[in-house]
Amino acid sequence: MMTLDIDDDTASLLRHLSEQEHVSPAQLIKNLLSEYLEDLADAAAGDAALAELTSGKDDTISLAEWEQQLNALGR
């Protein structure tokens, strides 16, 4: 359980949005926080993949090369 202290304007906006979404303010906060944290994790994974790619630790092939490999496997 957590307690969140927000200003009146934010609380009003939260109530308004929760009514629009037909969920409780607490559920709306849970949903938004979960989405935000997933986005952060995705961004971190993307940054890590880009770092590997630019450092040369990850091999890439062109779409044409990939299609040739698939064709060679009979797929």
PDB file of N, CA and C in Angstrom:
ATOM      1  N   MET A   1       0.856  -1.173   0.000  1.00  0.00           N
ATOM      2  CA  MET A   1       0.000   0.000   0.000  1.00  0.00           C
ATOM      3  C   MET A   1       0.897   1.231   0.000  1.00  0.00           C
ATOM      4  N   MET A   2       0.513   2.220  -0.797  1.00  0.00           N
ATOM      5  CA  MET A   2       1.248   3.489  -0.865  1.00  0.00           C
ATOM      6  C   MET A   2       0.263   4.632  -0.720  1.00  0.00           C
ATOM      7  N   THR A   3       0.765   5.736  -0.277  1.00  0.00           N
ATOM      8  CA  THR A   3      -0.014   6.961  -0.215  1.00  0.00           C
ATOM      9  C   THR A   3       0.628   7.964  -1.151  1.00  0.00           C
ATOM     10  N   LEU A   4      -0.192   8.675  -1.887  1.00  0.00           N
ATOM     11  CA  LEU A   4       0.301   9.644  -2.858  1.00  0.00           C
ATOM     12  C   LEU A   4      -0.257  11.009  -2.511  1.00  0.00           C
ATOM     13  N   ASP A   5       0.610  11.980  -2.354  1.00  0.00           N
ATOM     14  CA  ASP A   5       0.193  13.340  -2.034  1.00  0.00           C
ATOM     15  C   ASP A   5       0.283  14.172  -3.314  1.00  0.00           C
ATOM     16  N   ILE A   6      -0.869  14.614  -3.826  1.00  0.00           N
ATOM     17  CA  ILE A   6      -0.886  15.405  -5.058  1.00  0.00           C
ATOM     18  C   ILE A   6      -1.645  16.696  -4.818  1.00  0.00           C
ATOM     19  N   ASP A   7      -1.345  17.690  -5.632  1.00  0.00           N
ATOM     20  CA  ASP A   7      -2.006  18.986  -5.477  1.00  0.00           C
ATOM     21  C   ASP A   7      -3.455  18.906  -5.952  1.00  0.00           C
ATOM     22  N   ASP A   8      -4.236  19.910  -5.608  1.00  0.00           N
ATOM     23  CA  ASP A   8      -5.670  19.911  -5.913  1.00  0.00           C
ATOM     24  C   ASP A   8      -5.956  19.862  -7.414  1.00  0.00           C
ATOM     25  N   ASP A   9      -5.178  20.584  -8.201  1.00  0.00           N
ATOM     26  CA  ASP A   9      -5.408  20.584  -9.648  1.00  0.00           C
ATOM     27  C   ASP A   9      -5.184  19.196 -10.240  1.00  0.00           C
ATOM     28  N   THR A  10      -4.131  18.537  -9.798  1.00  0.00           N
ATOM     29  CA  THR A  10      -3.838  17.194 -10.285  1.00  0.00           C
ATOM     30  C   THR A  10      -4.910  16.213  -9.835  1.00  0.00           C
ATOM     31  N   ALA A  11      -5.359  16.352  -8.584  1.00  0.00           N
ATOM     32  CA  ALA A  11      -6.415  15.475  -8.063  1.00  0.00           C
ATOM     33  C   ALA A  11      -7.701  15.658  -8.859  1.00  0.00           C
ATOM     34  N   SER A  12      -8.005  16.886  -9.200  1.00  0.00           N
ATOM     35  CA  SER A  12      -9.213  17.167  -9.986  1.00  0.00           C
ATOM     36  C   SER A  12      -9.106  16.538 -11.371  1.00  0.00           C
ATOM     37  N   LEU A  13      -7.967  16.681 -11.991  1.00  0.00           N
ATOM     38  CA  LEU A  13      -7.745  16.086 -13.308  1.00  0.00           C
ATOM     39  C   LEU A  13      -7.824  14.568 -13.224  1.00  0.00           C
ATOM     40  N   LEU A  14      -7.245  14.006 -12.190  1.00  0.00           N
ATOM     41  CA  LEU A  14      -7.290  12.561 -11.992  1.00  0.00           C
ATOM     42  C   LEU A  14      -8.728  12.066 -11.840  1.00  0.00           C
ATOM     43  N   ARG A  15      -9.512  12.765 -11.041  1.00  0.00           N
ATOM     44  CA  ARG A  15     -10.919  12.371 -10.880  1.00  0.00           C
ATOM     45  C   ARG A  15     -11.662  12.447 -12.210  1.00  0.00           C
ATOM     46  N   HIS A  16     -11.429  13.519 -12.950  1.00  0.00           N
ATOM     47  CA  HIS A  16     -12.095  13.706 -14.241  1.00  0.00           C
ATOM     48  C   HIS A  16     -11.719  12.570 -15.207  1.00  0.00           C
ATOM     49  N   LEU A  17     -10.431  12.278 -15.301  1.00  0.00           N
ATOM     50  CA  LEU A  17      -9.985  11.220 -16.208  1.00  0.00           C
ATOM     51  C   LEU A  17     -10.475   9.844 -15.768  1.00  0.00           C
ATOM     52  N   SER A  18     -10.511   9.616 -14.463  1.00  0.00           N
ATOM     53  CA  SER A  18     -10.978   8.309 -13.990  1.00  0.00           C
ATOM     54  C   SER A  18     -12.459   8.120 -14.311  1.00  0.00           C
ATOM     55  N   GLU A  19     -13.224   9.203 -14.255  1.00  0.00           N
ATOM     56  CA  GLU A  19     -14.637   9.121 -14.641  1.00  0.00           C
ATOM     57  C   GLU A  19     -14.771   8.811 -16.130  1.00  0.00           C
ATOM     58  N   GLN A  20     -13.959   9.457 -16.935  1.00  0.00           N
ATOM     59  CA  GLN A  20     -13.992   9.206 -18.385  1.00  0.00           C
ATOM     60  C   GLN A  20     -13.636   7.757 -18.707  1.00  0.00           C
ATOM     61  N   GLU A  21     -12.680   7.212 -17.974  1.00  0.00           N
ATOM     62  CA  GLU A  21     -12.199   5.849 -18.227  1.00  0.00           C
ATOM     63  C   GLU A  21     -13.027   4.801 -17.487  1.00  0.00           C
ATOM     64  N   HIS A  22     -13.941   5.240 -16.645  1.00  0.00           N
ATOM     65  CA  HIS A  22     -14.801   4.342 -15.863  1.00  0.00           C
ATOM     66  C   HIS A  22     -13.997   3.416 -14.957  1.00  0.00           C
ATOM     67  N   VAL A  23     -12.979   3.976 -14.337  1.00  0.00           N
ATOM     68  CA  VAL A  23     -12.177   3.262 -13.352  1.00  0.00           C
ATOM     69  C   VAL A  23     -11.971   4.171 -12.148  1.00  0.00           C
ATOM     70  N   SER A  24     -11.602   3.579 -11.039  1.00  0.00           N
ATOM     71  CA  SER A  24     -11.330   4.387  -9.857  1.00  0.00           C
ATOM     72  C   SER A  24     -10.041   5.178 -10.065  1.00  0.00           C
ATOM     73  N   PRO A  25      -9.891   6.292  -9.351  1.00  0.00           N
ATOM     74  CA  PRO A  25      -8.625   7.037  -9.445  1.00  0.00           C
ATOM     75  C   PRO A  25      -7.415   6.157  -9.108  1.00  0.00           C
ATOM     76  N   ALA A  26      -7.567   5.291  -8.097  1.00  0.00           N
ATOM     77  CA  ALA A  26      -6.455   4.405  -7.729  1.00  0.00           C
ATOM     78  C   ALA A  26      -6.095   3.471  -8.880  1.00  0.00           C
ATOM     79  N   GLN A  27      -7.113   2.912  -9.552  1.00  0.00           N
ATOM     80  CA  GLN A  27      -6.846   2.003 -10.672  1.00  0.00           C
ATOM     81  C   GLN A  27      -6.221   2.747 -11.838  1.00  0.00           C
ATOM     82  N   LEU A  28      -6.671   3.971 -12.083  1.00  0.00           N
ATOM     83  CA  LEU A  28      -6.094   4.773 -13.160  1.00  0.00           C
ATOM     84  C   LEU A  28      -4.617   5.025 -12.884  1.00  0.00           C
ATOM     85  N   ILE A  29      -4.284   5.367 -11.646  1.00  0.00           N
ATOM     86  CA  ILE A  29      -2.881   5.591 -11.292  1.00  0.00           C
ATOM     87  C   ILE A  29      -2.084   4.315 -11.483  1.00  0.00           C
ATOM     88  N   LYS A  30      -2.613   3.183 -11.045  1.00  0.00           N
ATOM     89  CA  LYS A  30      -1.920   1.895 -11.224  1.00  0.00           C
ATOM     90  C   LYS A  30      -1.673   1.622 -12.706  1.00  0.00           C
ATOM     91  N   ASN A  31      -2.701   1.830 -13.530  1.00  0.00           N
ATOM     92  CA  ASN A  31      -2.570   1.579 -14.967  1.00  0.00           C
ATOM     93  C   ASN A  31      -1.519   2.489 -15.594  1.00  0.00           C
ATOM     94  N   LEU A  32      -1.588   3.777 -15.276  1.00  0.00           N
ATOM     95  CA  LEU A  32      -0.649   4.737 -15.858  1.00  0.00           C
ATOM     96  C   LEU A  32       0.777   4.471 -15.401  1.00  0.00           C
ATOM     97  N   LEU A  33       0.954   4.157 -14.124  1.00  0.00           N
ATOM     98  CA  LEU A  33       2.279   3.876 -13.609  1.00  0.00           C
ATOM     99  C   LEU A  33       2.850   2.612 -14.242  1.00  0.00           C
ATOM    100  N   SER A  34       2.024   1.596 -14.385  1.00  0.00           N
ATOM    101  CA  SER A  34       2.466   0.353 -15.006  1.00  0.00           C
ATOM    102  C   SER A  34       2.898   0.592 -16.445  1.00  0.00           C
ATOM    103  N   GLU A  35       2.102   1.332 -17.205  1.00  0.00           N
ATOM    104  CA  GLU A  35       2.451   1.640 -18.593  1.00  0.00           C
ATOM    105  C   GLU A  35       3.744   2.431 -18.663  1.00  0.00           C
ATOM    106  N   TYR A  36       3.901   3.404 -17.775  1.00  0.00           N
ATOM    107  CA  TYR A  36       5.101   4.234 -17.769  1.00  0.00           C
ATOM    108  C   TYR A  36       6.336   3.397 -17.464  1.00  0.00           C
ATOM    109  N   LEU A  37       6.239   2.526 -16.462  1.00  0.00           N
ATOM    110  CA  LEU A  37       7.379   1.685 -16.098  1.00  0.00           C
ATOM    111  C   LEU A  37       7.735   0.709 -17.222  1.00  0.00           C
ATOM    112  N   GLU A  38       6.732   0.176 -17.906  1.00  0.00           N
ATOM    113  CA  GLU A  38       6.993  -0.693 -19.056  1.00  0.00           C
ATOM    114  C   GLU A  38       7.686   0.083 -20.167  1.00  0.00           C
ATOM    115  N   ASP A  39       7.244   1.325 -20.402  1.00  0.00           N
ATOM    116  CA  ASP A  39       7.885   2.160 -21.416  1.00  0.00           C
ATOM    117  C   ASP A  39       9.350   2.428 -21.069  1.00  0.00           C
ATOM    118  N   LEU A  40       9.626   2.696 -19.781  1.00  0.00           N
ATOM    119  CA  LEU A  40      11.012   2.908 -19.361  1.00  0.00           C
ATOM    120  C   LEU A  40      11.858   1.669 -19.590  1.00  0.00           C
ATOM    121  N   ALA A  41      11.314   0.506 -19.256  1.00  0.00           N
ATOM    122  CA  ALA A  41      12.043  -0.750 -19.462  1.00  0.00           C
ATOM    123  C   ALA A  41      12.296  -0.986 -20.949  1.00  0.00           C
ATOM    124  N   ASP A  42      11.289  -0.721 -21.787  1.00  0.00           N
ATOM    125  CA  ASP A  42      11.458  -0.879 -23.234  1.00  0.00           C
ATOM    126  C   ASP A  42      12.530   0.070 -23.764  1.00  0.00           C
ATOM    127  N   ALA A  43      12.521   1.304 -23.289  1.00  0.00           N
ATOM    128  CA  ALA A  43      13.514   2.284 -23.729  1.00  0.00           C
ATOM    129  C   ALA A  43      14.911   1.853 -23.303  1.00  0.00           C
ATOM    130  N   ALA A  44      15.043   1.339 -22.095  1.00  0.00           N
ATOM    131  CA  ALA A  44      16.349   0.870 -21.617  1.00  0.00           C
ATOM    132  C   ALA A  44      16.834  -0.306 -22.452  1.00  0.00           C
ATOM    133  N   ALA A  45      15.931  -1.228 -22.790  1.00  0.00           N
ATOM    134  CA  ALA A  45      16.305  -2.370 -23.626  1.00  0.00           C
ATOM    135  C   ALA A  45      16.724  -1.896 -25.016  1.00  0.00           C
ATOM    136  N   GLY A  46      16.009  -0.921 -25.546  1.00  0.00           N
ATOM    137  CA  GLY A  46      16.369  -0.366 -26.845  1.00  0.00           C
ATOM    138  C   GLY A  46      17.726   0.322 -26.814  1.00  0.00           C
ATOM    139  N   ASP A  47      17.978   1.064 -25.749  1.00  0.00           N
ATOM    140  CA  ASP A  47      19.282   1.724 -25.601  1.00  0.00           C
ATOM    141  C   ASP A  47      20.401   0.696 -25.518  1.00  0.00           C
ATOM    142  N   ALA A  48      20.166  -0.391 -24.769  1.00  0.00           N
ATOM    143  CA  ALA A  48      21.179  -1.434 -24.637  1.00  0.00           C
ATOM    144  C   ALA A  48      21.435  -2.111 -25.983  1.00  0.00           C
ATOM    145  N   ALA A  49      20.372  -2.389 -26.730  1.00  0.00           N
ATOM    146  CA  ALA A  49      20.525  -3.016 -28.043  1.00  0.00           C
ATOM    147  C   ALA A  49      21.274  -2.095 -28.999  1.00  0.00           C
ATOM    148  N   LEU A  50      20.963  -0.804 -28.961  1.00  0.00           N
ATOM    149  CA  LEU A  50      21.659   0.154 -29.821  1.00  0.00           C
ATOM    150  C   LEU A  50      23.135   0.239 -29.437  1.00  0.00           C
ATOM    151  N   ALA A  51      23.423   0.223 -28.151  1.00  0.00           N
ATOM    152  CA  ALA A  51      24.813   0.270 -27.701  1.00  0.00           C
ATOM    153  C   ALA A  51      25.581  -0.949 -28.196  1.00  0.00           C
ATOM    154  N   GLU A  52      24.973  -2.134 -28.131  1.00  0.00           N
ATOM    155  CA  GLU A  52      25.617  -3.344 -28.638  1.00  0.00           C
ATOM    156  C   GLU A  52      25.853  -3.248 -30.137  1.00  0.00           C
ATOM    157  N   LEU A  53      24.863  -2.745 -30.840  1.00  0.00           N
ATOM    158  CA  LEU A  53      24.969  -2.632 -32.288  1.00  0.00           C
ATOM    159  C   LEU A  53      26.079  -1.663 -32.678  1.00  0.00           C
ATOM    160  N   THR A  54      26.108  -0.501 -32.052  1.00  0.00           N
ATOM    161  CA  THR A  54      27.105   0.509 -32.423  1.00  0.00           C
ATOM    162  C   THR A  54      28.505   0.136 -31.965  1.00  0.00           C
ATOM    163  N   SER A  55      28.613  -0.730 -30.937  1.00  0.00           N
ATOM    164  CA  SER A  55      29.935  -1.147 -30.464  1.00  0.00           C
ATOM    165  C   SER A  55      30.498  -2.309 -31.284  1.00  0.00           C
ATOM    166  N   GLY A  56      29.656  -2.879 -32.150  1.00  0.00           N
ATOM    167  CA  GLY A  56      30.103  -3.996 -32.969  1.00  0.00           C
ATOM    168  C   GLY A  56      29.941  -5.346 -32.302  1.00  0.00           C
ATOM    169  N   LYS A  57      29.337  -5.393 -31.129  1.00  0.00           N
ATOM    170  CA  LYS A  57      29.140  -6.658 -30.422  1.00  0.00           C
ATOM    171  C   LYS A  57      27.989  -7.469 -31.004  1.00  0.00           C
ATOM    172  N   ASP A  58      27.154  -6.823 -31.796  1.00  0.00           N
ATOM    173  CA  ASP A  58      25.985  -7.496 -32.360  1.00  0.00           C
ATOM    174  C   ASP A  58      26.106  -7.496 -33.876  1.00  0.00           C
ATOM    175  N   ASP A  59      25.873  -8.644 -34.475  1.00  0.00           N
ATOM    176  CA  ASP A  59      25.924  -8.749 -35.934  1.00  0.00           C
ATOM    177  C   ASP A  59      24.547  -8.484 -36.511  1.00  0.00           C
ATOM    178  N   THR A  60      24.522  -7.786 -37.622  1.00  0.00           N
ATOM    179  CA  THR A  60      23.265  -7.550 -38.321  1.00  0.00           C
ATOM    180  C   THR A  60      23.423  -8.027 -39.755  1.00  0.00           C
ATOM    181  N   ILE A  61      22.284  -8.340 -40.351  1.00  0.00           N
ATOM    182  CA  ILE A  61      22.273  -8.698 -41.763  1.00  0.00           C
ATOM    183  C   ILE A  61      21.156  -7.920 -42.432  1.00  0.00           C
ATOM    184  N   SER A  62      21.276  -7.770 -43.722  1.00  0.00           N
ATOM    185  CA  SER A  62      20.242  -7.052 -44.466  1.00  0.00           C
ATOM    186  C   SER A  62      19.005  -7.936 -44.616  1.00  0.00           C
ATOM    187  N   LEU A  63      17.905  -7.318 -44.990  1.00  0.00           N
ATOM    188  CA  LEU A  63      16.678  -8.064 -45.236  1.00  0.00           C
ATOM    189  C   LEU A  63      16.894  -9.072 -46.360  1.00  0.00           C
ATOM    190  N   ALA A  64      17.612  -8.666 -47.382  1.00  0.00           N
ATOM    191  CA  ALA A  64      17.886  -9.574 -48.506  1.00  0.00           C
ATOM    192  C   ALA A  64      18.667 -10.802 -48.041  1.00  0.00           C
ATOM    193  N   GLU A  65      19.673 -10.580 -47.176  1.00  0.00           N
ATOM    194  CA  GLU A  65      20.447 -11.711 -46.653  1.00  0.00           C
ATOM    195  C   GLU A  65      19.569 -12.626 -45.808  1.00  0.00           C
ATOM    196  N   TRP A  66      18.713 -12.047 -45.031  1.00  0.00           N
ATOM    197  CA  TRP A  66      17.800 -12.825 -44.177  1.00  0.00           C
ATOM    198  C   TRP A  66      16.864 -13.666 -45.035  1.00  0.00           C
ATOM    199  N   GLU A  67      16.323 -13.057 -46.113  1.00  0.00           N
ATOM    200  CA  GLU A  67      15.441 -13.792 -47.011  1.00  0.00           C
ATOM    201  C   GLU A  67      16.186 -14.927 -47.702  1.00  0.00           C
ATOM    202  N   GLN A  68      17.453 -14.695 -48.078  1.00  0.00           N
ATOM    203  CA  GLN A  68      18.255 -15.755 -48.697  1.00  0.00           C
ATOM    204  C   GLN A  68      18.434 -16.915 -47.727  1.00  0.00           C
ATOM    205  N   GLN A  69      18.696 -16.605 -46.475  1.00  0.00           N
ATOM    206  CA  GLN A  69      18.864 -17.666 -45.474  1.00  0.00           C
ATOM    207  C   GLN A  69      17.574 -18.449 -45.286  1.00  0.00           C
ATOM    208  N   LEU A  70      16.444 -17.755 -45.261  1.00  0.00           N
ATOM    209  CA  LEU A  70      15.169 -18.430 -45.132  1.00  0.00           C
ATOM    210  C   LEU A  70      14.886 -19.326 -46.336  1.00  0.00           C
ATOM    211  N   ASN A  71      15.180 -18.813 -47.535  1.00  0.00           N
ATOM    212  CA  ASN A  71      14.984 -19.584 -48.760  1.00  0.00           C
ATOM    213  C   ASN A  71      15.886 -20.821 -48.778  1.00  0.00           C
ATOM    214  N   ALA A  72      17.097 -20.675 -48.263  1.00  0.00           N
ATOM    215  CA  ALA A  72      18.020 -21.801 -48.236  1.00  0.00           C
ATOM    216  C   ALA A  72      17.515 -22.893 -47.295  1.00  0.00           C
ATOM    217  N   LEU A  73      16.750 -22.509 -46.289  1.00  0.00           N
ATOM    218  CA  LEU A  73      16.178 -23.478 -45.356  1.00  0.00           C
ATOM    219  C   LEU A  73      14.876 -24.071 -45.893  1.00  0.00           C
ATOM    220  N   GLY A  74      14.432 -23.570 -47.040  1.00  0.00           N
ATOM    221  CA  GLY A  74      13.195 -24.079 -47.638  1.00  0.00           C
ATOM    222  C   GLY A  74      11.938 -23.525 -47.019  1.00  0.00           C
ATOM    223  N   ARG A  75      12.021 -22.365 -46.456  1.00  0.00           N
ATOM    224  CA  ARG A  75      10.834 -21.764 -45.805  1.00  0.00           C
ATOM    225  C   ARG A  75      10.258 -20.671 -46.629  1.00  0.00           C
TER     226      ARG A  75
END
